[in-house]
Amino acid sequence: MESLNQLSINEFKSLVKILIKEALFELQQTNTGSTEKDNKFLTMNEAASLLGLVPVTIYKKVTAGELPAFKRGKRLYFEKETLLKYIQDNQKPILKK
C-alpha cells in the first residue's frame, strides 16, 4: 500500500479536493433530509455538485454523449447511480506504484 509521504504535492492536493467535494456533497444531502430513495434522480445543479463540474461542462458532456441524461420539458435530470459510475470509470490514479 502506498503511503501519503510518497505523494507529490499536486497528487495530495487532488486527493484532498476530491475528499472535500465528497464530504460537502454528503453534508448537503444530510441537511436537505434526502434519503437514497428520494435522490434517485438529480437536477443539473445537484449533478454539477456531485461531479465537481460547472453546468456548462455537463451540458457539453451530455451533448457529446459522454454523460447520459433524461429530459423533461426544458430540464435535464441525471440518475445518481449512473453519475457515480461515471466518476468511478473516469477517475485517474493518483498514487504511483
N, C-alpha and C. Protein backbone atom coordinates (compact mmCIF):
# COMPACT_ATOMS: atom_id res chain seq x y z
N MET A 1 0.84 -1.18 0.00
CA MET A 1 0.00 0.00 0.00
C MET A 1 0.89 1.24 0.00
N GLU A 2 0.51 2.19 -0.81
CA GLU A 2 1.27 3.45 -0.91
C GLU A 2 1.03 4.29 0.34
N SER A 3 2.05 4.99 0.77
CA SER A 3 1.88 5.87 1.91
C SER A 3 1.75 7.31 1.43
N LEU A 4 1.21 8.15 2.29
CA LEU A 4 0.99 9.54 1.92
C LEU A 4 2.28 10.29 1.64
N ASN A 5 3.37 9.89 2.29
CA ASN A 5 4.63 10.62 2.06
C ASN A 5 5.21 10.35 0.69
N GLN A 6 4.64 9.41 -0.07
CA GLN A 6 5.11 9.15 -1.43
C GLN A 6 4.30 9.92 -2.48
N LEU A 7 3.33 10.69 -2.04
CA LEU A 7 2.53 11.50 -2.96
C LEU A 7 3.24 12.81 -3.26
N SER A 8 3.09 13.25 -4.50
CA SER A 8 3.59 14.58 -4.82
C SER A 8 2.62 15.60 -4.23
N ILE A 9 3.04 16.84 -4.18
CA ILE A 9 2.16 17.90 -3.65
C ILE A 9 0.88 17.99 -4.47
N ASN A 10 0.98 17.93 -5.79
CA ASN A 10 -0.21 18.03 -6.66
C ASN A 10 -1.14 16.84 -6.47
N GLU A 11 -0.57 15.64 -6.29
CA GLU A 11 -1.40 14.46 -6.06
C GLU A 11 -2.13 14.58 -4.72
N PHE A 12 -1.41 15.08 -3.71
CA PHE A 12 -2.02 15.27 -2.40
C PHE A 12 -3.15 16.29 -2.46
N LYS A 13 -2.91 17.41 -3.17
CA LYS A 13 -3.95 18.44 -3.32
C LYS A 13 -5.18 17.87 -4.03
N SER A 14 -4.96 17.07 -5.07
CA SER A 14 -6.08 16.47 -5.80
C SER A 14 -6.87 15.53 -4.89
N LEU A 15 -6.17 14.75 -4.11
CA LEU A 15 -6.83 13.83 -3.19
C LEU A 15 -7.66 14.59 -2.16
N VAL A 16 -7.11 15.63 -1.58
CA VAL A 16 -7.83 16.44 -0.60
C VAL A 16 -9.06 17.09 -1.24
N LYS A 17 -8.90 17.60 -2.46
CA LYS A 17 -10.02 18.25 -3.16
C LYS A 17 -11.16 17.26 -3.37
N ILE A 18 -10.84 16.04 -3.78
CA ILE A 18 -11.86 15.01 -4.01
C ILE A 18 -12.57 14.68 -2.71
N LEU A 19 -11.81 14.50 -1.65
CA LEU A 19 -12.40 14.16 -0.36
C LEU A 19 -13.29 15.27 0.17
N ILE A 20 -12.88 16.51 -0.02
CA ILE A 20 -13.70 17.65 0.43
C ILE A 20 -15.00 17.72 -0.36
N LYS A 21 -14.92 17.53 -1.68
CA LYS A 21 -16.14 17.57 -2.51
C LYS A 21 -17.11 16.48 -2.08
N GLU A 22 -16.60 15.27 -1.83
CA GLU A 22 -17.47 14.18 -1.39
C GLU A 22 -18.10 14.50 -0.03
N ALA A 23 -17.31 15.04 0.89
CA ALA A 23 -17.83 15.38 2.22
C ALA A 23 -18.89 16.47 2.13
N LEU A 24 -18.64 17.49 1.31
CA LEU A 24 -19.62 18.57 1.16
C LEU A 24 -20.91 18.07 0.55
N PHE A 25 -20.80 17.17 -0.44
CA PHE A 25 -22.00 16.62 -1.05
C PHE A 25 -22.80 15.81 -0.03
N GLU A 26 -22.11 14.98 0.76
CA GLU A 26 -22.80 14.20 1.79
C GLU A 26 -23.46 15.11 2.82
N LEU A 27 -22.77 16.17 3.20
CA LEU A 27 -23.33 17.12 4.16
C LEU A 27 -24.56 17.80 3.59
N GLN A 28 -24.49 18.17 2.32
CA GLN A 28 -25.63 18.81 1.66
C GLN A 28 -26.83 17.86 1.66
N GLN A 29 -26.59 16.58 1.37
CA GLN A 29 -27.68 15.61 1.34
C GLN A 29 -28.28 15.42 2.73
N THR A 30 -27.44 15.43 3.75
CA THR A 30 -27.91 15.28 5.12
C THR A 30 -28.74 16.49 5.53
N ASN A 31 -28.30 17.68 5.16
CA ASN A 31 -29.01 18.90 5.54
C ASN A 31 -30.37 19.03 4.86
N THR A 32 -30.51 18.48 3.66
CA THR A 32 -31.79 18.59 2.97
C THR A 32 -32.73 17.48 3.38
N GLY A 33 -32.25 16.55 4.21
CA GLY A 33 -33.10 15.46 4.67
C GLY A 33 -33.38 14.44 3.60
N SER A 34 -32.60 14.42 2.53
CA SER A 34 -32.81 13.48 1.45
C SER A 34 -32.36 12.09 1.85
N THR A 35 -33.05 11.13 1.33
CA THR A 35 -32.62 9.75 1.50
C THR A 35 -32.22 9.22 0.14
N GLU A 36 -31.60 8.07 0.13
CA GLU A 36 -31.19 7.47 -1.14
C GLU A 36 -32.40 7.26 -2.04
N LYS A 37 -33.51 6.87 -1.45
CA LYS A 37 -34.73 6.63 -2.21
C LYS A 37 -35.23 7.91 -2.87
N ASP A 38 -35.17 9.03 -2.15
CA ASP A 38 -35.64 10.31 -2.66
C ASP A 38 -34.70 10.88 -3.72
N ASN A 39 -33.49 10.40 -3.74
CA ASN A 39 -32.45 11.03 -4.54
C ASN A 39 -32.03 10.21 -5.74
N LYS A 40 -32.93 9.43 -6.31
CA LYS A 40 -32.55 8.60 -7.44
C LYS A 40 -32.18 9.46 -8.64
N PHE A 41 -32.92 10.54 -8.86
CA PHE A 41 -32.63 11.43 -9.98
C PHE A 41 -32.19 12.79 -9.44
N LEU A 42 -31.21 13.36 -10.11
CA LEU A 42 -30.65 14.63 -9.68
C LEU A 42 -30.91 15.71 -10.72
N THR A 43 -31.05 16.93 -10.26
CA THR A 43 -31.17 18.08 -11.16
C THR A 43 -29.79 18.44 -11.69
N MET A 44 -29.74 19.40 -12.58
CA MET A 44 -28.46 19.85 -13.13
C MET A 44 -27.53 20.34 -12.02
N ASN A 45 -28.03 21.17 -11.13
CA ASN A 45 -27.19 21.71 -10.06
C ASN A 45 -26.70 20.62 -9.11
N GLU A 46 -27.55 19.66 -8.80
CA GLU A 46 -27.14 18.55 -7.94
C GLU A 46 -26.08 17.70 -8.63
N ALA A 47 -26.27 17.46 -9.92
CA ALA A 47 -25.29 16.68 -10.68
C ALA A 47 -23.96 17.43 -10.76
N ALA A 48 -24.02 18.74 -10.96
CA ALA A 48 -22.80 19.55 -11.02
C ALA A 48 -22.05 19.48 -9.69
N SER A 49 -22.78 19.54 -8.60
CA SER A 49 -22.18 19.46 -7.28
C SER A 49 -21.52 18.10 -7.06
N LEU A 50 -22.21 17.05 -7.44
CA LEU A 50 -21.69 15.70 -7.27
C LEU A 50 -20.42 15.48 -8.10
N LEU A 51 -20.43 15.95 -9.35
CA LEU A 51 -19.30 15.73 -10.24
C LEU A 51 -18.18 16.75 -10.07
N GLY A 52 -18.49 17.85 -9.39
CA GLY A 52 -17.48 18.90 -9.24
C GLY A 52 -17.23 19.63 -10.54
N LEU A 53 -18.28 19.75 -11.35
CA LEU A 53 -18.20 20.43 -12.65
C LEU A 53 -19.21 21.57 -12.69
N VAL A 54 -18.99 22.48 -13.60
CA VAL A 54 -19.98 23.55 -13.81
C VAL A 54 -21.02 23.05 -14.81
N PRO A 55 -22.25 23.58 -14.74
CA PRO A 55 -23.31 23.12 -15.64
C PRO A 55 -22.95 23.17 -17.12
N VAL A 56 -22.20 24.17 -17.55
CA VAL A 56 -21.82 24.26 -18.97
C VAL A 56 -21.04 23.02 -19.40
N THR A 57 -20.13 22.57 -18.56
CA THR A 57 -19.34 21.37 -18.87
C THR A 57 -20.23 20.15 -18.93
N ILE A 58 -21.20 20.08 -18.02
CA ILE A 58 -22.12 18.94 -18.04
C ILE A 58 -22.95 18.94 -19.31
N TYR A 59 -23.45 20.11 -19.72
CA TYR A 59 -24.20 20.20 -20.97
C TYR A 59 -23.36 19.71 -22.14
N LYS A 60 -22.09 20.10 -22.18
CA LYS A 60 -21.20 19.65 -23.26
C LYS A 60 -21.03 18.14 -23.25
N LYS A 61 -20.88 17.56 -22.07
CA LYS A 61 -20.71 16.12 -21.95
C LYS A 61 -21.99 15.38 -22.36
N VAL A 62 -23.13 15.93 -22.03
CA VAL A 62 -24.41 15.33 -22.43
C VAL A 62 -24.54 15.40 -23.95
N THR A 63 -24.24 16.55 -24.53
CA THR A 63 -24.33 16.74 -25.98
C THR A 63 -23.38 15.80 -26.72
N ALA A 64 -22.19 15.58 -26.15
CA ALA A 64 -21.19 14.70 -26.77
C ALA A 64 -21.50 13.22 -26.54
N GLY A 65 -22.50 12.94 -25.72
CA GLY A 65 -22.86 11.55 -25.46
C GLY A 65 -22.00 10.90 -24.37
N GLU A 66 -21.22 11.69 -23.67
CA GLU A 66 -20.36 11.16 -22.61
C GLU A 66 -21.13 10.91 -21.32
N LEU A 67 -22.20 11.64 -21.14
CA LEU A 67 -22.95 11.59 -19.89
C LEU A 67 -24.44 11.45 -20.20
N PRO A 68 -25.07 10.35 -19.76
CA PRO A 68 -26.49 10.17 -20.05
C PRO A 68 -27.37 11.05 -19.17
N ALA A 69 -28.43 11.57 -19.76
CA ALA A 69 -29.37 12.41 -19.02
C ALA A 69 -30.77 12.16 -19.55
N PHE A 70 -31.75 12.53 -18.75
CA PHE A 70 -33.15 12.46 -19.15
C PHE A 70 -33.67 13.87 -19.24
N LYS A 71 -34.47 14.12 -20.26
CA LYS A 71 -35.01 15.46 -20.44
C LYS A 71 -36.51 15.44 -20.21
N ARG A 72 -36.94 16.36 -19.38
CA ARG A 72 -38.38 16.54 -19.15
C ARG A 72 -38.64 18.03 -19.31
N GLY A 73 -39.36 18.38 -20.35
CA GLY A 73 -39.53 19.79 -20.67
C GLY A 73 -38.19 20.36 -21.09
N LYS A 74 -37.80 21.43 -20.45
CA LYS A 74 -36.51 22.04 -20.76
C LYS A 74 -35.42 21.65 -19.76
N ARG A 75 -35.75 20.79 -18.82
CA ARG A 75 -34.80 20.44 -17.77
C ARG A 75 -34.17 19.07 -17.99
N LEU A 76 -32.91 18.96 -17.59
CA LEU A 76 -32.20 17.69 -17.64
C LEU A 76 -32.15 17.08 -16.24
N TYR A 77 -32.28 15.78 -16.20
CA TYR A 77 -32.17 15.04 -14.95
C TYR A 77 -31.18 13.91 -15.15
N PHE A 78 -30.51 13.55 -14.06
CA PHE A 78 -29.45 12.55 -14.12
C PHE A 78 -29.70 11.49 -13.06
N GLU A 79 -29.48 10.25 -13.43
CA GLU A 79 -29.60 9.17 -12.48
C GLU A 79 -28.35 9.16 -11.60
N LYS A 80 -28.54 9.21 -10.30
CA LYS A 80 -27.42 9.32 -9.37
C LYS A 80 -26.44 8.15 -9.53
N GLU A 81 -26.94 6.94 -9.62
CA GLU A 81 -26.05 5.78 -9.74
C GLU A 81 -25.22 5.83 -11.01
N THR A 82 -25.79 6.35 -12.09
CA THR A 82 -25.05 6.49 -13.35
C THR A 82 -23.93 7.51 -13.19
N LEU A 83 -24.18 8.60 -12.48
CA LEU A 83 -23.14 9.60 -12.25
C LEU A 83 -22.02 9.05 -11.38
N LEU A 84 -22.38 8.27 -10.36
CA LEU A 84 -21.36 7.67 -9.51
C LEU A 84 -20.50 6.68 -10.31
N LYS A 85 -21.14 5.94 -11.21
CA LYS A 85 -20.39 5.03 -12.07
C LYS A 85 -19.48 5.82 -13.02
N TYR A 86 -19.97 6.94 -13.52
CA TYR A 86 -19.17 7.81 -14.39
C TYR A 86 -17.91 8.28 -13.66
N ILE A 87 -18.07 8.65 -12.39
CA ILE A 87 -16.92 9.09 -11.59
C ILE A 87 -15.92 7.95 -11.46
N GLN A 88 -16.42 6.76 -11.14
CA GLN A 88 -15.52 5.62 -10.97
C GLN A 88 -14.82 5.26 -12.27
N ASP A 89 -15.54 5.25 -13.37
CA ASP A 89 -14.97 4.86 -14.66
C ASP A 89 -13.98 5.87 -15.19
N ASN A 90 -14.11 7.12 -14.82
CA ASN A 90 -13.25 8.17 -15.37
C ASN A 90 -12.20 8.70 -14.40
N GLN A 91 -12.06 8.03 -13.27
CA GLN A 91 -11.05 8.53 -12.32
C GLN A 91 -9.66 8.13 -12.79
N LYS A 92 -8.73 9.00 -12.50
CA LYS A 92 -7.34 8.76 -12.86
C LYS A 92 -6.59 8.39 -11.57
N PRO A 93 -5.72 7.42 -11.66
CA PRO A 93 -4.99 7.05 -10.45
C PRO A 93 -4.11 8.19 -9.97
N ILE A 94 -4.07 8.41 -8.65
CA ILE A 94 -3.25 9.48 -8.11
C ILE A 94 -2.07 8.94 -7.32
N LEU A 95 -2.06 7.66 -7.08
CA LEU A 95 -0.93 7.05 -6.38
C LEU A 95 -0.05 6.34 -7.40
N LYS A 96 1.24 6.57 -7.30
CA LYS A 96 2.17 5.91 -8.21
C LYS A 96 2.62 4.61 -7.60
N LYS A 97 2.80 3.60 -8.45
CA LYS A 97 3.28 2.30 -7.98
C LYS A 97 4.76 2.17 -8.20
